[in-house]
N, C-alpha and C. Protein backbone atom coordinates (compact mmCIF):
# COMPACT_ATOMS: atom_id res chain seq x y z
N MET A 1 -10.66 -2.85 5.26
CA MET A 1 -10.79 -3.61 4.02
C MET A 1 -10.43 -2.82 2.74
N LEU A 2 -10.58 -1.59 2.78
CA LEU A 2 -10.29 -0.86 1.56
C LEU A 2 -8.75 -0.83 1.34
N VAL A 3 -7.99 -0.77 2.41
CA VAL A 3 -6.45 -0.69 2.38
C VAL A 3 -6.02 -1.94 1.82
N ILE A 4 -6.67 -3.07 2.05
CA ILE A 4 -6.19 -4.32 1.56
C ILE A 4 -6.40 -4.42 -0.02
N ALA A 5 -7.56 -3.96 -0.45
CA ALA A 5 -7.83 -3.97 -1.90
C ALA A 5 -6.85 -3.04 -2.70
N ILE A 6 -6.45 -1.88 -2.04
CA ILE A 6 -5.56 -1.00 -2.70
C ILE A 6 -4.13 -1.59 -2.63
N PHE A 7 -3.83 -2.28 -1.54
CA PHE A 7 -2.51 -3.04 -1.40
C PHE A 7 -2.35 -4.04 -2.54
N ILE A 8 -3.46 -4.80 -2.80
CA ILE A 8 -3.51 -5.84 -3.84
C ILE A 8 -3.34 -5.27 -5.19
N ALA A 9 -3.90 -4.23 -5.44
CA ALA A 9 -3.75 -3.47 -6.75
C ALA A 9 -2.24 -3.03 -6.95
N PHE A 10 -1.73 -2.39 -5.82
CA PHE A 10 -0.34 -1.93 -6.03
C PHE A 10 0.60 -3.12 -6.15
N VAL A 11 0.36 -4.19 -5.48
CA VAL A 11 1.31 -5.37 -5.61
C VAL A 11 1.15 -6.00 -7.09
N PHE A 12 -0.01 -6.02 -7.55
CA PHE A 12 -0.24 -6.54 -8.88
C PHE A 12 0.49 -5.69 -9.90
N VAL A 13 0.44 -4.33 -9.85
CA VAL A 13 1.19 -3.48 -10.78
C VAL A 13 2.64 -3.58 -10.50
N GLY A 14 2.97 -3.63 -9.28
CA GLY A 14 4.52 -3.64 -8.97
C GLY A 14 5.10 -4.97 -9.49
N ASP A 15 4.41 -6.00 -9.24
CA ASP A 15 4.91 -7.40 -9.62
C ASP A 15 5.07 -7.38 -11.26
N ALA A 16 4.00 -6.84 -11.90
CA ALA A 16 3.99 -6.77 -13.29
C ALA A 16 5.33 -5.99 -13.86
N ILE A 17 5.54 -4.88 -13.19
CA ILE A 17 6.68 -4.11 -13.49
C ILE A 17 8.05 -4.94 -13.26
N SER A 18 8.03 -5.64 -12.16
CA SER A 18 9.20 -6.41 -11.90
C SER A 18 9.46 -7.53 -12.85
N VAL A 19 8.35 -8.14 -13.30
CA VAL A 19 8.47 -9.20 -14.43
C VAL A 19 9.08 -8.59 -15.68
N GLY A 20 8.63 -7.41 -16.05
CA GLY A 20 9.21 -6.70 -17.22
C GLY A 20 10.64 -6.36 -17.04
N ILE A 21 10.99 -5.88 -15.92
CA ILE A 21 12.45 -5.67 -15.73
C ILE A 21 13.35 -6.87 -15.75
N ALA A 22 12.77 -7.96 -15.16
CA ALA A 22 13.62 -9.21 -15.11
C ALA A 22 13.66 -9.82 -16.50
N ALA A 23 12.52 -9.54 -17.35
CA ALA A 23 12.57 -10.09 -18.60
C ALA A 23 13.62 -9.27 -19.53
N MET A 24 13.79 -8.09 -19.20
CA MET A 24 14.87 -7.29 -19.92
C MET A 24 16.29 -7.72 -19.53
N VAL A 25 16.40 -8.20 -18.39
CA VAL A 25 17.80 -8.75 -17.94
C VAL A 25 18.04 -10.06 -18.35
N GLU A 26 17.00 -10.93 -18.63
CA GLU A 26 17.12 -12.30 -19.02
C GLU A 26 18.02 -12.61 -19.98
N PRO A 27 17.95 -11.75 -21.21
CA PRO A 27 18.85 -12.24 -22.37
C PRO A 27 20.36 -12.13 -22.05
N PHE A 28 20.74 -11.23 -20.97
CA PHE A 28 22.13 -11.18 -20.51
C PHE A 28 22.49 -12.29 -19.67
N SER A 29 21.68 -12.70 -18.61
CA SER A 29 21.98 -13.67 -17.64
C SER A 29 20.69 -14.14 -16.95
N GLN A 30 20.47 -15.46 -17.03
CA GLN A 30 19.14 -15.91 -16.31
C GLN A 30 19.45 -15.81 -14.84
N PHE A 31 20.56 -16.11 -14.39
CA PHE A 31 20.88 -15.96 -12.90
C PHE A 31 20.49 -14.71 -12.37
N TRP A 32 21.14 -13.58 -13.04
CA TRP A 32 20.82 -12.24 -12.53
C TRP A 32 19.39 -11.76 -12.75
N SER A 33 18.79 -12.35 -13.84
CA SER A 33 17.42 -12.14 -14.00
C SER A 33 16.56 -12.61 -12.85
N LEU A 34 16.81 -13.73 -12.29
CA LEU A 34 16.17 -14.28 -11.18
C LEU A 34 16.44 -13.54 -9.90
N LEU A 35 17.64 -13.14 -9.72
CA LEU A 35 18.07 -12.28 -8.45
C LEU A 35 17.30 -10.91 -8.58
N VAL A 36 17.32 -10.34 -9.72
CA VAL A 36 16.70 -8.96 -9.91
C VAL A 36 15.11 -9.12 -9.59
N PHE A 37 14.52 -10.14 -10.10
CA PHE A 37 13.11 -10.40 -9.94
C PHE A 37 12.89 -10.63 -8.50
N LEU A 38 13.56 -11.46 -7.80
CA LEU A 38 13.28 -11.81 -6.35
C LEU A 38 13.53 -10.40 -5.50
N MET A 39 14.54 -9.65 -5.78
CA MET A 39 14.77 -8.44 -5.06
C MET A 39 13.61 -7.47 -5.18
N LEU A 40 13.18 -7.28 -6.49
CA LEU A 40 12.07 -6.42 -6.72
C LEU A 40 10.76 -7.03 -6.19
N PHE A 41 10.59 -8.29 -6.24
CA PHE A 41 9.33 -8.97 -5.77
C PHE A 41 9.22 -8.65 -4.18
N VAL A 42 10.24 -8.81 -3.46
CA VAL A 42 10.16 -8.61 -1.96
C VAL A 42 10.05 -7.03 -1.81
N GLY A 43 10.76 -6.21 -2.55
CA GLY A 43 10.66 -4.79 -2.34
C GLY A 43 9.17 -4.26 -2.62
N VAL A 44 8.61 -4.89 -3.52
CA VAL A 44 7.18 -4.39 -3.89
C VAL A 44 6.32 -4.51 -2.75
N PHE A 45 6.44 -5.56 -1.89
CA PHE A 45 5.50 -5.70 -0.80
C PHE A 45 5.62 -4.45 0.18
N ALA A 46 6.86 -4.22 0.47
CA ALA A 46 7.11 -3.12 1.47
C ALA A 46 6.59 -1.74 0.82
N ILE A 47 6.93 -1.46 -0.29
CA ILE A 47 6.49 -0.15 -0.99
C ILE A 47 4.91 -0.25 -1.18
N ALA A 48 4.44 -1.35 -1.57
CA ALA A 48 3.02 -1.27 -1.80
C ALA A 48 2.11 -1.13 -0.51
N TRP A 49 2.66 -1.71 0.57
CA TRP A 49 1.93 -1.51 1.92
C TRP A 49 2.03 -0.09 2.25
N LYS A 50 3.28 0.58 2.30
CA LYS A 50 3.32 1.96 2.73
C LYS A 50 2.55 2.88 1.79
N SER A 51 2.46 2.52 0.55
CA SER A 51 1.72 3.32 -0.41
C SER A 51 0.17 3.15 -0.27
N ALA A 52 -0.19 2.06 -0.02
CA ALA A 52 -1.66 1.77 0.19
C ALA A 52 -2.10 2.40 1.54
N VAL A 53 -1.28 2.42 2.51
CA VAL A 53 -1.77 3.03 3.78
C VAL A 53 -1.84 4.63 3.54
N TYR A 54 -0.73 5.08 2.86
CA TYR A 54 -0.73 6.51 2.44
C TYR A 54 -1.90 6.98 1.73
N VAL A 55 -2.19 6.26 0.73
CA VAL A 55 -3.36 6.62 -0.21
C VAL A 55 -4.73 6.52 0.53
N THR A 56 -4.83 5.48 1.34
CA THR A 56 -6.06 5.45 2.08
C THR A 56 -6.21 6.40 3.10
N GLU A 57 -5.16 6.76 3.90
CA GLU A 57 -5.32 7.75 4.93
C GLU A 57 -5.43 9.16 4.31
N ARG A 58 -4.62 9.45 3.18
CA ARG A 58 -4.66 10.77 2.72
C ARG A 58 -5.80 11.15 1.83
N TYR A 59 -6.31 10.19 1.11
CA TYR A 59 -7.31 10.52 0.06
C TYR A 59 -8.65 9.95 0.39
N LEU A 60 -8.72 8.80 0.97
CA LEU A 60 -9.99 8.15 1.08
C LEU A 60 -10.68 8.24 2.50
N LEU A 61 -9.87 8.32 3.52
CA LEU A 61 -10.41 8.50 4.88
C LEU A 61 -10.71 10.08 5.09
N ARG A 62 -9.90 10.94 4.52
CA ARG A 62 -10.13 12.35 4.70
C ARG A 62 -11.57 12.74 3.97
N ALA A 63 -11.94 12.05 2.86
CA ALA A 63 -13.07 12.35 2.10
C ALA A 63 -14.36 11.97 3.00
N GLN A 64 -14.27 11.10 3.88
CA GLN A 64 -15.45 10.66 4.71
C GLN A 64 -15.83 11.52 5.89
């Protein structure tokens, strides 16, 4: 259950960063802004899951 909470936190932060990057690209091209956001949005899930598992195993399960 703890790993899911950490995953959600990482996704929230990663998606906020993705929105910021897409907003910086938007003045140049709305089309590319959407593509950049979608690529980052999908990538955030893979990175967030691996990061959440790593943090949970390395720091939280070891402490118990």
